[in-house]
């Protein structure tokens, strides 16, 4: 494990950066990537963000005023990526050549020349904020927007248990530096497309309870997405729905991503370990929020995850 001074010195000595984001990119991986990219460019480095998929319209401001750069990649940095399977379309090309891994997941298993993992950080953007401070780069309003995006989205607008006093201090400084906190909060948490409303209706119709209503499960299928017109960006935050139900300890969201292939998100309350549940299927994450991928028929996948969740309740 390296410290931020080690990481900063290494970045200062290198150039031509490819910055990797994880599959189904969220505000934290995108905010981390664009904040680091902007900081490296301020140091007169060539840097480019590589997005797993496409940049959702609601995140387009992260790339504002950033000119496209074309160069041969020499240095590869992964941000907010906890495991090789989350490299998605970049796995074959970059898994064995990651130079720097910066993450906040305790379950991180990425192989890299240099690794910085701070699992006490509520978001990886907190790590990037501290790294940028070590690099001595001035945080302008556009850069502050990038960092704030990761901080607010990975804390559920500062209401999750991962929020620390440092989280609030960083957010306050970003506001002082000119980030558009109110606009970003509105876009991330209060604005929904018609497709999002329709897929939420489908999700609520799929809701089932287990273990005396301590476990709640919802699911989406590709057919449901096609019927509602929901895109990946419309699916953000669905995993929070089952955990919001009064009395639920473990909320499970199962999303069909391919033939007999499902992405599972687990969210927990009351001291239950989501990462332990997902580790049973090769996944991981945080104590209260984790994920994994499972192959099989939908009902079988749900049964497996529910069984692991009951095992966690009884531990």
Foldseek 3Di string as FASTA:
>chain_A
DDDLLVVLVVLLVDAQEEEAAFALGALQQLLLQLLVCVLSVLSVGHYDYDYNPDDDPLCVLLCPPPDDDDDDHDAYEYFQDQDLVRRPPCNVPPQVPHAEYQHQFPNRDRDHVYYDYNVLQLGSLLVSVVSSVSNVGDQAQSSLQSSVSRLCQSCVNVPRPSDDPSSVVSNVVSVVRHYPNVVSCCSRPPDADQLLVQLLVQFVVQWDADDVRQEIETEEEVVSCVVSVDDSVSCPPSQCVSVPDPNHAKYKYWYDDDQQKIKIKIFGPDQFAPQQLQVVQVWGGGRGIIIHMGGHDPVVVVVSSVVSRVVRVVD
